[in-house]
Amino acid sequence: MSEDKNFMQPDVPRFDGHYDHWSLLMENLLRSKGYWNLIETGYNEPATGVVLSEAQQKEQGELLLKDLKAKNYLFQAIDRTILE
């Protein structure tokens, strides 16, 4: 039997109005997923017209995917009414 069957995915902490506590929980979650660096530095698209090498294109694609995943966690954590 695989141990993966017993593993439970932790819930994304929902923002409940207590920002200090929620931000610590979110930071911990995003650090554990390897996305925290993007929160601190942000994702910057290459300037228009800049030609990237294949390795640079791959790196940019990976950074963009990580950025989207980090945003996905944040969107799951914050209710739509708060965002409006």
PDB file of N, CA and C in Angstrom:
ATOM      1  N   MET A   1       0.843  -1.188   0.000  1.00  0.00           N
ATOM      2  CA  MET A   1       0.000   0.000   0.000  1.00  0.00           C
ATOM      3  C   MET A   1       0.881   1.240   0.000  1.00  0.00           C
ATOM      4  N   SER A   2       0.544   2.166  -0.800  1.00  0.00           N
ATOM      5  CA  SER A   2       1.291   3.409  -0.910  1.00  0.00           C
ATOM      6  C   SER A   2       0.930   4.357   0.229  1.00  0.00           C
ATOM      7  N   GLU A   3       1.953   5.030   0.755  1.00  0.00           N
ATOM      8  CA  GLU A   3       1.697   6.004   1.820  1.00  0.00           C
ATOM      9  C   GLU A   3       1.014   7.250   1.281  1.00  0.00           C
ATOM     10  N   ASP A   4       1.103   7.485  -0.028  1.00  0.00           N
ATOM     11  CA  ASP A   4       0.479   8.668  -0.626  1.00  0.00           C
ATOM     12  C   ASP A   4      -1.032   8.666  -0.438  1.00  0.00           C
ATOM     13  N   LYS A   5      -1.641   7.505  -0.312  1.00  0.00           N
ATOM     14  CA  LYS A   5      -3.091   7.428  -0.142  1.00  0.00           C
ATOM     15  C   LYS A   5      -3.533   8.007   1.196  1.00  0.00           C
ATOM     16  N   ASN A   6      -2.631   8.012   2.161  1.00  0.00           N
ATOM     17  CA  ASN A   6      -2.953   8.530   3.486  1.00  0.00           C
ATOM     18  C   ASN A   6      -2.615  10.013   3.630  1.00  0.00           C
ATOM     19  N   PHE A   7      -1.980  10.577   2.628  1.00  0.00           N
ATOM     20  CA  PHE A   7      -1.582  11.984   2.685  1.00  0.00           C
ATOM     21  C   PHE A   7      -2.770  12.869   2.356  1.00  0.00           C
ATOM     22  N   MET A   8      -3.006  13.861   3.222  1.00  0.00           N
ATOM     23  CA  MET A   8      -4.087  14.817   2.966  1.00  0.00           C
ATOM     24  C   MET A   8      -3.485  16.151   2.558  1.00  0.00           C
ATOM     25  N   GLN A   9      -4.000  16.705   1.498  1.00  0.00           N
ATOM     26  CA  GLN A   9      -3.573  18.029   1.049  1.00  0.00           C
ATOM     27  C   GLN A   9      -4.075  19.066   2.054  1.00  0.00           C
ATOM     28  N   PRO A  10      -3.178  19.913   2.593  1.00  0.00           N
ATOM     29  CA  PRO A  10      -3.654  20.919   3.549  1.00  0.00           C
ATOM     30  C   PRO A  10      -4.565  21.930   2.860  1.00  0.00           C
ATOM     31  N   ASP A  11      -5.549  22.383   3.592  1.00  0.00           N
ATOM     32  CA  ASP A  11      -6.456  23.396   3.062  1.00  0.00           C
ATOM     33  C   ASP A  11      -5.734  24.732   2.944  1.00  0.00           C
ATOM     34  N   VAL A  12      -6.146  25.499   1.970  1.00  0.00           N
ATOM     35  CA  VAL A  12      -5.629  26.856   1.821  1.00  0.00           C
ATOM     36  C   VAL A  12      -6.284  27.697   2.907  1.00  0.00           C
ATOM     37  N   PRO A  13      -5.482  28.411   3.729  1.00  0.00           N
ATOM     38  CA  PRO A  13      -6.075  29.223   4.793  1.00  0.00           C
ATOM     39  C   PRO A  13      -6.972  30.320   4.220  1.00  0.00           C
ATOM     40  N   ARG A  14      -8.207  30.352   4.649  1.00  0.00           N
ATOM     41  CA  ARG A  14      -9.166  31.369   4.190  1.00  0.00           C
ATOM     42  C   ARG A  14      -8.982  32.634   5.017  1.00  0.00           C
ATOM     43  N   PHE A  15      -8.977  33.776   4.345  1.00  0.00           N
ATOM     44  CA  PHE A  15      -8.870  35.050   5.044  1.00  0.00           C
ATOM     45  C   PHE A  15     -10.159  35.297   5.811  1.00  0.00           C
ATOM     46  N   ASP A  16     -10.022  35.495   7.121  1.00  0.00           N
ATOM     47  CA  ASP A  16     -11.198  35.680   7.976  1.00  0.00           C
ATOM     48  C   ASP A  16     -11.226  37.051   8.644  1.00  0.00           C
ATOM     49  N   GLY A  17     -10.415  37.979   8.137  1.00  0.00           N
ATOM     50  CA  GLY A  17     -10.386  39.315   8.713  1.00  0.00           C
ATOM     51  C   GLY A  17      -9.201  39.545   9.634  1.00  0.00           C
ATOM     52  N   HIS A  18      -8.536  38.477  10.043  1.00  0.00           N
ATOM     53  CA  HIS A  18      -7.366  38.587  10.919  1.00  0.00           C
ATOM     54  C   HIS A  18      -6.111  38.472  10.052  1.00  0.00           C
ATOM     55  N   TYR A  19      -5.716  39.604   9.479  1.00  0.00           N
ATOM     56  CA  TYR A  19      -4.660  39.615   8.472  1.00  0.00           C
ATOM     57  C   TYR A  19      -3.332  39.071   8.989  1.00  0.00           C
ATOM     58  N   ASP A  20      -2.891  39.503  10.182  1.00  0.00           N
ATOM     59  CA  ASP A  20      -1.575  39.093  10.679  1.00  0.00           C
ATOM     60  C   ASP A  20      -1.461  37.574  10.756  1.00  0.00           C
ATOM     61  N   HIS A  21      -2.469  36.934  11.300  1.00  0.00           N
ATOM     62  CA  HIS A  21      -2.457  35.471  11.418  1.00  0.00           C
ATOM     63  C   HIS A  21      -2.536  34.819  10.043  1.00  0.00           C
ATOM     64  N   TRP A  22      -3.456  35.292   9.211  1.00  0.00           N
ATOM     65  CA  TRP A  22      -3.630  34.717   7.873  1.00  0.00           C
ATOM     66  C   TRP A  22      -2.361  34.865   7.040  1.00  0.00           C
ATOM     67  N   SER A  23      -1.700  36.018   7.122  1.00  0.00           N
ATOM     68  CA  SER A  23      -0.503  36.238   6.304  1.00  0.00           C
ATOM     69  C   SER A  23       0.623  35.287   6.704  1.00  0.00           C
ATOM     70  N   LEU A  24       0.730  34.974   7.997  1.00  0.00           N
ATOM     71  CA  LEU A  24       1.728  33.994   8.437  1.00  0.00           C
ATOM     72  C   LEU A  24       1.419  32.612   7.871  1.00  0.00           C
ATOM     73  N   LEU A  25       0.145  32.237   7.908  1.00  0.00           N
ATOM     74  CA  LEU A  25      -0.259  30.938   7.367  1.00  0.00           C
ATOM     75  C   LEU A  25      -0.003  30.870   5.862  1.00  0.00           C
ATOM     76  N   MET A  26      -0.343  31.938   5.150  1.00  0.00           N
ATOM     77  CA  MET A  26      -0.140  31.958   3.700  1.00  0.00           C
ATOM     78  C   MET A  26       1.347  31.958   3.353  1.00  0.00           C
ATOM     79  N   GLU A  27       2.133  32.710   4.097  1.00  0.00           N
ATOM     80  CA  GLU A  27       3.574  32.716   3.840  1.00  0.00           C
ATOM     81  C   GLU A  27       4.141  31.319   4.017  1.00  0.00           C
ATOM     82  N   ASN A  28       3.737  30.641   5.075  1.00  0.00           N
ATOM     83  CA  ASN A  28       4.214  29.289   5.316  1.00  0.00           C
ATOM     84  C   ASN A  28       3.811  28.353   4.180  1.00  0.00           C
ATOM     85  N   LEU A  29       2.558  28.434   3.748  1.00  0.00           N
ATOM     86  CA  LEU A  29       2.079  27.591   2.655  1.00  0.00           C
ATOM     87  C   LEU A  29       2.860  27.870   1.369  1.00  0.00           C
ATOM     88  N   LEU A  30       2.993  29.144   1.018  1.00  0.00           N
ATOM     89  CA  LEU A  30       3.669  29.495  -0.229  1.00  0.00           C
ATOM     90  C   LEU A  30       5.164  29.179  -0.184  1.00  0.00           C
ATOM     91  N   ARG A  31       5.789  29.313   0.983  1.00  0.00           N
ATOM     92  CA  ARG A  31       7.196  28.910   1.117  1.00  0.00           C
ATOM     93  C   ARG A  31       7.333  27.403   0.933  1.00  0.00           C
ATOM     94  N   SER A  32       6.417  26.641   1.522  1.00  0.00           N
ATOM     95  CA  SER A  32       6.497  25.180   1.419  1.00  0.00           C
ATOM     96  C   SER A  32       6.293  24.706  -0.015  1.00  0.00           C
ATOM     97  N   LYS A  33       5.591  25.479  -0.820  1.00  0.00           N
ATOM     98  CA  LYS A  33       5.354  25.141  -2.225  1.00  0.00           C
ATOM     99  C   LYS A  33       6.454  25.696  -3.143  1.00  0.00           C
ATOM    100  N   GLY A  34       7.328  26.542  -2.601  1.00  0.00           N
ATOM    101  CA  GLY A  34       8.411  27.113  -3.392  1.00  0.00           C
ATOM    102  C   GLY A  34       8.025  28.343  -4.191  1.00  0.00           C
ATOM    103  N   TYR A  35       6.961  29.028  -3.779  1.00  0.00           N
ATOM    104  CA  TYR A  35       6.464  30.184  -4.530  1.00  0.00           C
ATOM    105  C   TYR A  35       6.741  31.514  -3.838  1.00  0.00           C
ATOM    106  N   TRP A  36       7.284  31.506  -2.643  1.00  0.00           N
ATOM    107  CA  TRP A  36       7.419  32.733  -1.869  1.00  0.00           C
ATOM    108  C   TRP A  36       8.341  33.745  -2.547  1.00  0.00           C
ATOM    109  N   ASN A  37       9.383  33.289  -3.211  1.00  0.00           N
ATOM    110  CA  ASN A  37      10.300  34.210  -3.878  1.00  0.00           C
ATOM    111  C   ASN A  37       9.558  35.105  -4.863  1.00  0.00           C
ATOM    112  N   LEU A  38       8.562  34.562  -5.543  1.00  0.00           N
ATOM    113  CA  LEU A  38       7.790  35.376  -6.485  1.00  0.00           C
ATOM    114  C   LEU A  38       6.930  36.406  -5.776  1.00  0.00           C
ATOM    115  N   ILE A  39       6.495  36.095  -4.565  1.00  0.00           N
ATOM    116  CA  ILE A  39       5.720  37.070  -3.790  1.00  0.00           C
ATOM    117  C   ILE A  39       6.617  38.259  -3.458  1.00  0.00           C
ATOM    118  N   GLU A  40       7.867  37.971  -3.095  1.00  0.00           N
ATOM    119  CA  GLU A  40       8.786  39.039  -2.714  1.00  0.00           C
ATOM    120  C   GLU A  40       9.290  39.842  -3.911  1.00  0.00           C
ATOM    121  N   THR A  41       9.575  39.170  -5.016  1.00  0.00           N
ATOM    122  CA  THR A  41      10.195  39.857  -6.149  1.00  0.00           C
ATOM    123  C   THR A  41       9.225  40.150  -7.284  1.00  0.00           C
ATOM    124  N   GLY A  42       8.153  39.388  -7.390  1.00  0.00           N
ATOM    125  CA  GLY A  42       7.202  39.551  -8.481  1.00  0.00           C
ATOM    126  C   GLY A  42       7.700  38.893  -9.757  1.00  0.00           C
ATOM    127  N   TYR A  43       6.816  38.780 -10.706  1.00  0.00           N
ATOM    128  CA  TYR A  43       7.168  38.221 -12.015  1.00  0.00           C
ATOM    129  C   TYR A  43       7.226  39.356 -13.018  1.00  0.00           C
ATOM    130  N   ASN A  44       8.326  39.456 -13.721  1.00  0.00           N
ATOM    131  CA  ASN A  44       8.499  40.494 -14.735  1.00  0.00           C
ATOM    132  C   ASN A  44       8.619  39.840 -16.104  1.00  0.00           C
ATOM    133  N   GLU A  45       7.707  40.196 -16.989  1.00  0.00           N
ATOM    134  CA  GLU A  45       7.784  39.685 -18.354  1.00  0.00           C
ATOM    135  C   GLU A  45       8.941  40.362 -19.072  1.00  0.00           C
ATOM    136  N   PRO A  46       9.583  39.629 -19.974  1.00  0.00           N
ATOM    137  CA  PRO A  46      10.662  40.249 -20.755  1.00  0.00           C
ATOM    138  C   PRO A  46      10.114  41.405 -21.595  1.00  0.00           C
ATOM    139  N   ALA A  47      10.947  42.384 -21.832  1.00  0.00           N
ATOM    140  CA  ALA A  47      10.539  43.542 -22.634  1.00  0.00           C
ATOM    141  C   ALA A  47      10.174  43.091 -24.046  1.00  0.00           C
ATOM    142  N   THR A  48       9.232  43.781 -24.636  1.00  0.00           N
ATOM    143  CA  THR A  48       8.807  43.483 -25.999  1.00  0.00           C
ATOM    144  C   THR A  48       9.986  43.622 -26.953  1.00  0.00           C
ATOM    145  N   GLY A  49      10.145  42.639 -27.819  1.00  0.00           N
ATOM    146  CA  GLY A  49      11.216  42.679 -28.806  1.00  0.00           C
ATOM    147  C   GLY A  49      12.512  42.043 -28.359  1.00  0.00           C
ATOM    148  N   VAL A  50      12.630  41.692 -27.079  1.00  0.00           N
ATOM    149  CA  VAL A  50      13.846  41.055 -26.580  1.00  0.00           C
ATOM    150  C   VAL A  50      13.829  39.590 -27.003  1.00  0.00           C
ATOM    151  N   VAL A  51      14.919  39.145 -27.598  1.00  0.00           N
ATOM    152  CA  VAL A  51      15.034  37.757 -28.038  1.00  0.00           C
ATOM    153  C   VAL A  51      15.703  36.959 -26.924  1.00  0.00           C
ATOM    154  N   LEU A  52      15.009  35.924 -26.449  1.00  0.00           N
ATOM    155  CA  LEU A  52      15.524  35.092 -25.369  1.00  0.00           C
ATOM    156  C   LEU A  52      16.073  33.788 -25.926  1.00  0.00           C
ATOM    157  N   SER A  53      17.106  33.286 -25.267  1.00  0.00           N
ATOM    158  CA  SER A  53      17.623  31.972 -25.640  1.00  0.00           C
ATOM    159  C   SER A  53      16.605  30.916 -25.226  1.00  0.00           C
ATOM    160  N   GLU A  54      16.813  29.696 -25.679  1.00  0.00           N
ATOM    161  CA  GLU A  54      15.893  28.617 -25.320  1.00  0.00           C
ATOM    162  C   GLU A  54      15.863  28.408 -23.809  1.00  0.00           C
ATOM    163  N   ALA A  55      17.032  28.482 -23.164  1.00  0.00           N
ATOM    164  CA  ALA A  55      17.104  28.315 -21.711  1.00  0.00           C
ATOM    165  C   ALA A  55      16.362  29.444 -20.998  1.00  0.00           C
ATOM    166  N   GLN A  56      16.510  30.666 -21.494  1.00  0.00           N
ATOM    167  CA  GLN A  56      15.816  31.806 -20.892  1.00  0.00           C
ATOM    168  C   GLN A  56      14.307  31.692 -21.081  1.00  0.00           C
ATOM    169  N   GLN A  57      13.884  31.219 -22.256  1.00  0.00           N
ATOM    170  CA  GLN A  57      12.454  31.016 -22.499  1.00  0.00           C
ATOM    171  C   GLN A  57      11.890  29.978 -21.542  1.00  0.00           C
ATOM    172  N   LYS A  58      12.651  28.909 -21.323  1.00  0.00           N
ATOM    173  CA  LYS A  58      12.210  27.855 -20.401  1.00  0.00           C
ATOM    174  C   LYS A  58      12.097  28.411 -18.981  1.00  0.00           C
ATOM    175  N   GLU A  59      13.109  29.176 -18.569  1.00  0.00           N
ATOM    176  CA  GLU A  59      13.096  29.775 -17.230  1.00  0.00           C
ATOM    177  C   GLU A  59      11.917  30.731 -17.069  1.00  0.00           C
ATOM    178  N   GLN A  60      11.664  31.558 -18.086  1.00  0.00           N
ATOM    179  CA  GLN A  60      10.533  32.491 -18.025  1.00  0.00           C
ATOM    180  C   GLN A  60       9.209  31.736 -17.935  1.00  0.00           C
ATOM    181  N   GLY A  61       9.094  30.650 -18.687  1.00  0.00           N
ATOM    182  CA  GLY A  61       7.882  29.835 -18.633  1.00  0.00           C
ATOM    183  C   GLY A  61       7.660  29.236 -17.258  1.00  0.00           C
ATOM    184  N   GLU A  62       8.745  28.762 -16.638  1.00  0.00           N
ATOM    185  CA  GLU A  62       8.650  28.187 -15.296  1.00  0.00           C
ATOM    186  C   GLU A  62       8.268  29.252 -14.274  1.00  0.00           C
ATOM    187  N   LEU A  63       8.861  30.436 -14.389  1.00  0.00           N
ATOM    188  CA  LEU A  63       8.527  31.525 -13.465  1.00  0.00           C
ATOM    189  C   LEU A  63       7.073  31.962 -13.625  1.00  0.00           C
ATOM    190  N   LEU A  64       6.604  32.037 -14.864  1.00  0.00           N
ATOM    191  CA  LEU A  64       5.217  32.415 -15.105  1.00  0.00           C
ATOM    192  C   LEU A  64       4.272  31.389 -14.492  1.00  0.00           C
ATOM    193  N   LEU A  65       4.571  30.104 -14.652  1.00  0.00           N
ATOM    194  CA  LEU A  65       3.728  29.060 -14.080  1.00  0.00           C
ATOM    195  C   LEU A  65       3.705  29.149 -12.557  1.00  0.00           C
ATOM    196  N   LYS A  66       4.869  29.372 -11.936  1.00  0.00           N
ATOM    197  CA  LYS A  66       4.917  29.528 -10.481  1.00  0.00           C
ATOM    198  C   LYS A  66       4.107  30.743 -10.038  1.00  0.00           C
ATOM    199  N   ASP A  67       4.206  31.834 -10.790  1.00  0.00           N
ATOM    200  CA  ASP A  67       3.452  33.044 -10.475  1.00  0.00           C
ATOM    201  C   ASP A  67       1.954  32.759 -10.517  1.00  0.00           C
ATOM    202  N   LEU A  68       1.514  32.051 -11.542  1.00  0.00           N
ATOM    203  CA  LEU A  68       0.090  31.721 -11.665  1.00  0.00           C
ATOM    204  C   LEU A  68      -0.369  30.799 -10.539  1.00  0.00           C
ATOM    205  N   LYS A  69       0.476  29.871 -10.140  1.00  0.00           N
ATOM    206  CA  LYS A  69       0.117  28.962  -9.045  1.00  0.00           C
ATOM    207  C   LYS A  69       0.018  29.720  -7.722  1.00  0.00           C
ATOM    208  N   ALA A  70       0.958  30.645  -7.485  1.00  0.00           N
ATOM    209  CA  ALA A  70       0.898  31.448  -6.261  1.00  0.00           C
ATOM    210  C   ALA A  70      -0.378  32.283  -6.238  1.00  0.00           C
ATOM    211  N   LYS A  71      -0.717  32.904  -7.374  1.00  0.00           N
ATOM    212  CA  LYS A  71      -1.952  33.688  -7.453  1.00  0.00           C
ATOM    213  C   LYS A  71      -3.173  32.810  -7.232  1.00  0.00           C
ATOM    214  N   ASN A  72      -3.133  31.585  -7.732  1.00  0.00           N
ATOM    215  CA  ASN A  72      -4.249  30.668  -7.546  1.00  0.00           C
ATOM    216  C   ASN A  72      -4.492  30.412  -6.061  1.00  0.00           C
ATOM    217  N   TYR A  73      -3.424  30.195  -5.298  1.00  0.00           N
ATOM    218  CA  TYR A  73      -3.583  30.000  -3.853  1.00  0.00           C
ATOM    219  C   TYR A  73      -4.187  31.246  -3.200  1.00  0.00           C
ATOM    220  N   LEU A  74      -3.723  32.412  -3.612  1.00  0.00           N
ATOM    221  CA  LEU A  74      -4.256  33.646  -3.031  1.00  0.00           C
ATOM    222  C   LEU A  74      -5.728  33.840  -3.385  1.00  0.00           C
ATOM    223  N   PHE A  75      -6.096  33.565  -4.627  1.00  0.00           N
ATOM    224  CA  PHE A  75      -7.500  33.699  -5.030  1.00  0.00           C
ATOM    225  C   PHE A  75      -8.392  32.711  -4.288  1.00  0.00           C
ATOM    226  N   GLN A  76      -7.875  31.521  -3.981  1.00  0.00           N
ATOM    227  CA  GLN A  76      -8.648  30.549  -3.211  1.00  0.00           C
ATOM    228  C   GLN A  76      -8.846  31.018  -1.775  1.00  0.00           C
ATOM    229  N   ALA A  77      -7.885  31.771  -1.265  1.00  0.00           N
ATOM    230  CA  ALA A  77      -7.903  32.167   0.139  1.00  0.00           C
ATOM    231  C   ALA A  77      -8.764  33.396   0.408  1.00  0.00           C
ATOM    232  N   ILE A  78      -8.965  34.225  -0.610  1.00  0.00           N
ATOM    233  CA  ILE A  78      -9.670  35.492  -0.408  1.00  0.00           C
ATOM    234  C   ILE A  78     -11.029  35.429  -1.092  1.00  0.00           C
ATOM    235  N   ASP A  79     -12.069  35.683  -0.334  1.00  0.00           N
ATOM    236  CA  ASP A  79     -13.428  35.644  -0.862  1.00  0.00           C
ATOM    237  C   ASP A  79     -13.633  36.717  -1.928  1.00  0.00           C
ATOM    238  N   ARG A  80     -14.439  36.405  -2.900  1.00  0.00           N
ATOM    239  CA  ARG A  80     -14.705  37.329  -4.008  1.00  0.00           C
ATOM    240  C   ARG A  80     -15.220  38.680  -3.519  1.00  0.00           C
ATOM    241  N   THR A  81     -16.040  38.684  -2.491  1.00  0.00           N
ATOM    242  CA  THR A  81     -16.600  39.944  -2.000  1.00  0.00           C
ATOM    243  C   THR A  81     -15.513  40.874  -1.466  1.00  0.00           C
ATOM    244  N   ILE A  82     -14.432  40.323  -0.968  1.00  0.00           N
ATOM    245  CA  ILE A  82     -13.323  41.142  -0.481  1.00  0.00           C
ATOM    246  C   ILE A  82     -12.575  41.755  -1.655  1.00  0.00           C
ATOM    247  N   LEU A  83     -12.464  41.012  -2.746  1.00  0.00           N
ATOM    248  CA  LEU A  83     -11.741  41.503  -3.920  1.00  0.00           C
ATOM    249  C   LEU A  83     -12.506  42.571  -4.685  1.00  0.00           C
ATOM    250  N   GLU A  84     -13.823  42.616  -4.536  1.00  0.00           N
ATOM    251  CA  GLU A  84     -14.632  43.565  -5.310  1.00  0.00           C
ATOM    252  C   GLU A  84     -14.633  44.936  -4.725  1.00  0.00           C
TER     253      GLU A  84
END
